[in-house]
C-alpha atoms as a PDB file:
ATOM      1  CA  UNK A   1      80.524 204.446-158.345  1.00  0.00           C
ATOM      2  CA  UNK A   2      79.527 208.044-159.125  1.00  0.00           C
ATOM      3  CA  UNK A   3      78.806 207.097-162.739  1.00  0.00           C
ATOM      4  CA  UNK A   4      76.658 204.159-161.628  1.00  0.00           C
ATOM      5  CA  UNK A   5      74.789 206.401-159.194  1.00  0.00           C
ATOM      6  CA  UNK A   6      74.187 208.979-161.933  1.00  0.00           C
ATOM      7  CA  UNK A   7      72.963 206.264-164.253  1.00  0.00           C
ATOM      8  CA  UNK A   8      70.631 204.927-161.540  1.00  0.00           C
ATOM      9  CA  UNK A   9      69.302 208.454-160.957  1.00  0.00           C
ATOM     10  CA  UNK A  10      68.677 208.828-164.700  1.00  0.00           C
ATOM     11  CA  UNK A  11      66.829 205.501-164.779  1.00  0.00           C
ATOM     12  CA  UNK A  12      64.777 206.639-161.781  1.00  0.00           C
ATOM     13  CA  UNK A  13      63.783 209.847-163.573  1.00  0.00           C
ATOM     14  CA  UNK A  14      62.952 207.872-166.724  1.00  0.00           C
ATOM     15  CA  UNK A  15      60.718 205.575-164.648  1.00  0.00           C
ATOM     16  CA  UNK A  16      59.022 208.590-163.031  1.00  0.00           C
ATOM     17  CA  UNK A  17      58.408 210.096-166.477  1.00  0.00           C
ATOM     18  CA  UNK A  18      56.845 206.858-167.716  1.00  0.00           C
ATOM     19  CA  UNK A  19      54.745 206.724-164.563  1.00  0.00           C
ATOM     20  CA  UNK A  20      53.424 210.257-165.224  1.00  0.00           C
ATOM     21  CA  UNK A  21      52.606 209.329-168.838  1.00  0.00           C
ATOM     22  CA  UNK A  22      50.831 206.193-167.694  1.00  0.00           C
ATOM     23  CA  UNK A  23      48.851 208.203-165.115  1.00  0.00           C
ATOM     24  CA  UNK A  24      47.771 210.674-167.805  1.00  0.00           C
ATOM     25  CA  UNK A  25      46.677 207.837-170.083  1.00  0.00           C
ATOM     26  CA  UNK A  26      44.866 206.155-167.196  1.00  0.00           C
ATOM     27  CA  UNK A  27      43.047 209.420-166.375  1.00  0.00           C
ATOM     28  CA  UNK A  28      41.997 209.742-170.004  1.00  0.00           C
ATOM     29  CA  UNK A  29      40.775 206.157-170.247  1.00  0.00           C
ATOM     30  CA  UNK A  30      38.940 206.090-166.903  1.00  0.00           C
ATOM     31  CA  UNK A  31      37.703 209.683-166.800  1.00  0.00           C
ATOM     32  CA  UNK A  32      39.077 210.134-163.264  1.00  0.00           C
ATOM     33  CA  UNK A  33      40.717 213.402-162.197  1.00  0.00           C
ATOM     34  CA  UNK A  34      43.211 212.088-159.636  1.00  0.00           C
ATOM     35  CA  UNK A  35      46.266 209.880-159.878  1.00  0.00           C
ATOM     36  CA  UNK A  36      45.793 206.278-158.932  1.00  0.00           C
ATOM     37  CA  UNK A  37      48.448 204.784-156.698  1.00  0.00           C
ATOM     38  CA  UNK A  38      49.536 201.229-157.444  1.00  0.00           C
ATOM     39  CA  UNK A  39      48.725 198.591-154.884  1.00  0.00           C
ATOM     40  CA  UNK A  40      51.448 197.519-152.536  1.00  0.00           C
ATOM     41  CA  UNK A  41      53.530 194.672-153.872  1.00  0.00           C
ATOM     42  CA  UNK A  42      53.133 191.517-151.871  1.00  0.00           C
ATOM     43  CA  UNK A  43      55.577 188.787-152.754  1.00  0.00           C
ATOM     44  CA  UNK A  44      53.463 185.658-152.612  1.00  0.00           C
ATOM     45  CA  UNK A  45      55.068 182.256-152.796  1.00  0.00           C
ATOM     46  CA  UNK A  46      54.991 180.727-156.256  1.00  0.00           C
ATOM     47  CA  UNK A  47      53.079 177.461-156.462  1.00  0.00           C
ATOM     48  CA  UNK A  48      54.804 174.534-158.184  1.00  0.00           C
ATOM     49  CA  UNK A  49      54.687 174.334-161.965  1.00  0.00           C
ATOM     50  CA  UNK A  50      52.854 171.002-161.957  1.00  0.00           C
ATOM     51  CA  UNK A  51      49.783 172.618-160.402  1.00  0.00           C
ATOM     52  CA  UNK A  52      49.595 175.045-163.370  1.00  0.00           C
ATOM     53  CA  UNK A  53      50.104 172.498-166.144  1.00  0.00           C
ATOM     54  CA  UNK A  54      46.805 170.699-165.485  1.00  0.00           C
ATOM     55  CA  UNK A  55      44.628 173.812-165.996  1.00  0.00           C
ATOM     56  CA  UNK A  56      46.752 174.736-169.026  1.00  0.00           C
ATOM     57  CA  UNK A  57      45.661 171.517-170.719  1.00  0.00           C
ATOM     58  CA  UNK A  58      42.047 172.734-170.486  1.00  0.00           C
ATOM     59  CA  UNK A  59      42.568 176.150-172.055  1.00  0.00           C
ATOM     60  CA  UNK A  60      39.995 177.102-174.710  1.00  0.00           C
ATOM     61  CA  UNK A  61      42.482 176.729-177.571  1.00  0.00           C
ATOM     62  CA  UNK A  62      43.436 173.226-176.408  1.00  0.00           C
ATOM     63  CA  UNK A  63      39.779 172.283-175.949  1.00  0.00           C
ATOM     64  CA  UNK A  64      38.986 173.580-179.459  1.00  0.00           C
ATOM     65  CA  UNK A  65      41.818 171.479-180.886  1.00  0.00           C
ATOM     66  CA  UNK A  66      40.510 168.473-178.934  1.00  0.00           C
ATOM     67  CA  UNK A  67      37.033 168.967-180.399  1.00  0.00           C
ATOM     68  CA  UNK A  68      38.473 169.323-183.907  1.00  0.00           C
ATOM     69  CA  UNK A  69      40.334 166.052-183.415  1.00  0.00           C
ATOM     70  CA  UNK A  70      37.142 164.321-182.256  1.00  0.00           C
ATOM     71  CA  UNK A  71      35.228 165.736-185.231  1.00  0.00           C
ATOM     72  CA  UNK A  72      37.916 164.525-187.630  1.00  0.00           C
ATOM     73  CA  UNK A  73      37.777 161.038-186.096  1.00  0.00           C
ATOM     74  CA  UNK A  74      33.999 161.079-186.517  1.00  0.00           C
ATOM     75  CA  UNK A  75      34.493 162.136-190.149  1.00  0.00           C
ATOM     76  CA  UNK A  76      36.652 159.049-190.713  1.00  0.00           C
ATOM     77  CA  UNK A  77      33.901 156.845-189.281  1.00  0.00           C
ATOM     78  CA  UNK A  78      31.272 158.503-191.455  1.00  0.00           C
ATOM     79  CA  UNK A  79      33.389 158.081-194.581  1.00  0.00           C
ATOM     80  CA  UNK A  80      34.154 154.469-193.735  1.00  0.00           C
ATOM     81  CA  UNK A  81      30.453 153.752-193.265  1.00  0.00           C
ATOM     82  CA  UNK A  82      29.626 155.155-196.682  1.00  0.00           C
ATOM     83  CA  UNK A  83      30.591 151.709-197.991  1.00  0.00           C
ATOM     84  CA  UNK A  84      27.721 150.138-196.063  1.00  0.00           C
ATOM     85  CA  UNK A  85      24.405 149.409-197.774  1.00  0.00           C
ATOM     86  CA  UNK A  86      21.559 151.824-197.034  1.00  0.00           C
ATOM     87  CA  UNK A  87      17.825 151.346-196.703  1.00  0.00           C
ATOM     88  CA  UNK A  88      15.294 154.167-196.999  1.00  0.00           C
ATOM     89  CA  UNK A  89      11.545 154.318-196.568  1.00  0.00           C
ATOM     90  CA  UNK A  90       9.581 157.382-197.705  1.00  0.00           C
ATOM     91  CA  UNK A  91       5.845 157.871-197.281  1.00  0.00           C
ATOM     92  CA  UNK A  92       3.478 160.672-198.263  1.00  0.00           C
ATOM     93  CA  UNK A  93      -0.104 161.402-197.287  1.00  0.00           C
ATOM     94  CA  UNK A  94      -2.118 163.695-199.554  1.00  0.00           C
ATOM     95  CA  UNK A  95      -5.050 165.785-198.355  1.00  0.00           C
ATOM     96  CA  UNK A  96      -5.989 166.776-201.884  1.00  0.00           C
ATOM     97  CA  UNK A  97      -4.654 165.493-205.206  1.00  0.00           C
ATOM     98  CA  UNK A  98      -5.235 166.767-208.714  1.00  0.00           C
ATOM     99  CA  UNK A  99      -8.013 164.989-210.630  1.00  0.00           C
ATOM    100  CA  UNK A 100      -7.020 161.933-212.579  1.00  0.00           C
ATOM    101  CA  UNK A 101      -6.492 158.277-211.967  1.00  0.00           C
ATOM    102  CA  UNK A 102      -4.727 158.912-208.600  1.00  0.00           C
ATOM    103  CA  UNK A 103      -7.313 161.229-207.057  1.00  0.00           C
ATOM    104  CA  UNK A 104      -8.666 158.442-204.813  1.00  0.00           C
ATOM    105  CA  UNK A 105      -5.201 157.422-203.556  1.00  0.00           C
ATOM    106  CA  UNK A 106      -4.513 159.316-200.340  1.00  0.00           C
ATOM    107  CA  UNK A 107      -1.050 157.983-199.597  1.00  0.00           C
ATOM    108  CA  UNK A 108       1.937 156.343-201.197  1.00  0.00           C
ATOM    109  CA  UNK A 109       5.178 154.791-199.962  1.00  0.00           C
ATOM    110  CA  UNK A 110       8.554 154.140-201.468  1.00  0.00           C
ATOM    111  CA  UNK A 111      11.178 151.671-200.310  1.00  0.00           C
ATOM    112  CA  UNK A 112      14.738 152.023-201.558  1.00  0.00           C
ATOM    113  CA  UNK A 113      17.838 149.891-200.949  1.00  0.00           C
ATOM    114  CA  UNK A 114      21.307 150.854-202.156  1.00  0.00           C
ATOM    115  CA  UNK A 115      24.352 148.639-202.221  1.00  0.00           C
ATOM    116  CA  UNK A 116      27.541 150.518-203.126  1.00  0.00           C
ATOM    117  CA  UNK A 117      29.463 147.964-205.143  1.00  0.00           C
ATOM    118  CA  UNK A 118      31.900 150.158-207.057  1.00  0.00           C
ATOM    119  CA  UNK A 119      32.437 153.902-207.034  1.00  0.00           C
ATOM    120  CA  UNK A 120      35.581 154.188-209.112  1.00  0.00           C
ATOM    121  CA  UNK A 121      37.878 154.715-206.131  1.00  0.00           C
ATOM    122  CA  UNK A 122      35.969 157.774-204.891  1.00  0.00           C
ATOM    123  CA  UNK A 123      35.172 156.237-201.522  1.00  0.00           C
ATOM    124  CA  UNK A 124      38.782 155.155-201.012  1.00  0.00           C
ATOM    125  CA  UNK A 125      39.986 158.655-201.895  1.00  0.00           C
ATOM    126  CA  UNK A 126      37.499 160.267-199.485  1.00  0.00           C
ATOM    127  CA  UNK A 127      38.587 157.831-196.778  1.00  0.00           C
ATOM    128  CA  UNK A 128      42.257 158.717-197.355  1.00  0.00           C
ATOM    129  CA  UNK A 129      41.369 162.428-197.174  1.00  0.00           C
ATOM    130  CA  UNK A 130      39.451 162.027-193.945  1.00  0.00           C
ATOM    131  CA  UNK A 131      42.317 159.979-192.447  1.00  0.00           C
ATOM    132  CA  UNK A 132      44.726 162.776-193.387  1.00  0.00           C
ATOM    133  CA  UNK A 133      42.385 165.340-191.823  1.00  0.00           C
ATOM    134  CA  UNK A 134      42.224 163.220-188.651  1.00  0.00           C
ATOM    135  CA  UNK A 135      46.027 163.007-188.438  1.00  0.00           C
ATOM    136  CA  UNK A 136      46.292 166.745-189.052  1.00  0.00           C
ATOM    137  CA  UNK A 137      43.791 167.438-186.258  1.00  0.00           C
ATOM    138  CA  UNK A 138      45.727 165.133-183.920  1.00  0.00           C
ATOM    139  CA  UNK A 139      48.942 167.009-184.718  1.00  0.00           C
ATOM    140  CA  UNK A 140      47.101 170.278-184.092  1.00  0.00           C
ATOM    141  CA  UNK A 141      45.923 168.974-180.718  1.00  0.00           C
ATOM    142  CA  UNK A 142      49.445 167.927-179.827  1.00  0.00           C
ATOM    143  CA  UNK A 143      50.780 171.330-180.883  1.00  0.00           C
ATOM    144  CA  UNK A 144      48.132 173.187-178.871  1.00  0.00           C
ATOM    145  CA  UNK A 145      48.874 171.099-175.769  1.00  0.00           C
ATOM    146  CA  UNK A 146      52.628 171.579-176.090  1.00  0.00           C
ATOM    147  CA  UNK A 147      52.192 175.310-176.758  1.00  0.00           C
ATOM    148  CA  UNK A 148      49.996 175.673-173.656  1.00  0.00           C
ATOM    149  CA  UNK A 149      52.572 173.826-171.548  1.00  0.00           C
ATOM    150  CA  UNK A 150      55.407 175.955-172.956  1.00  0.00           C
ATOM    151  CA  UNK A 151      53.574 179.233-172.344  1.00  0.00           C
ATOM    152  CA  UNK A 152      52.645 178.128-168.822  1.00  0.00           C
ATOM    153  CA  UNK A 153      56.221 177.085-168.064  1.00  0.00           C
ATOM    154  CA  UNK A 154      57.580 180.376-169.422  1.00  0.00           C
ATOM    155  CA  UNK A 155      55.107 182.421-167.372  1.00  0.00           C
ATOM    156  CA  UNK A 156      55.925 180.374-164.259  1.00  0.00           C
ATOM    157  CA  UNK A 157      59.635 180.897-164.814  1.00  0.00           C
ATOM    158  CA  UNK A 158      59.115 184.641-165.309  1.00  0.00           C
ATOM    159  CA  UNK A 159      57.076 184.832-162.100  1.00  0.00           C
ATOM    160  CA  UNK A 160      59.770 182.981-160.148  1.00  0.00           C
ATOM    161  CA  UNK A 161      62.391 185.313-161.596  1.00  0.00           C
ATOM    162  CA  UNK A 162      60.321 188.401-160.697  1.00  0.00           C
ATOM    163  CA  UNK A 163      59.901 187.216-157.107  1.00  0.00           C
ATOM    164  CA  UNK A 164      63.648 186.617-156.884  1.00  0.00           C
ATOM    165  CA  UNK A 165      64.374 190.099-158.293  1.00  0.00           C
ATOM    166  CA  UNK A 166      61.992 191.724-155.788  1.00  0.00           C
ATOM    167  CA  UNK A 167      63.640 189.822-152.937  1.00  0.00           C
ATOM    168  CA  UNK A 168      67.093 190.871-154.130  1.00  0.00           C
ATOM    169  CA  UNK A 169      66.098 194.537-154.528  1.00  0.00           C
ATOM    170  CA  UNK A 170      64.553 194.724-151.073  1.00  0.00           C
END
């Protein structure tokens, strides 16, 4: 018992030494000349984990992964539609043209239609690449969501444990 008490006293002095070091660092960082006392610890009840998992699914990293997944899905649609025929209409109006046989023509128009019949497998390869990018983005979204849930669960568990430790030490 005496050895345990001596060890507890040593731990108490170690904690006081760390507290003094932290106060010195805090004075340096804030420019204040007096020690700041920590706020009183109030053991608040821990809310259930389910109420924290919903906001965790809207963290910025999860939202970024969700947007990347949506962009990759849009990329697949764009690549798939590159097989469709295209129509283009261009028109120009000229205020002044160089002298010659077209100097009296003030405007011209061009109509173009393209029908992609064969591209040597390039379109199929781009489609396969965009599908792979979409799957990768979906896996990234899944990973980000699971990571957010894991980190939230771990923090919730640590908070519950801390409240239990405070209650036991009181």
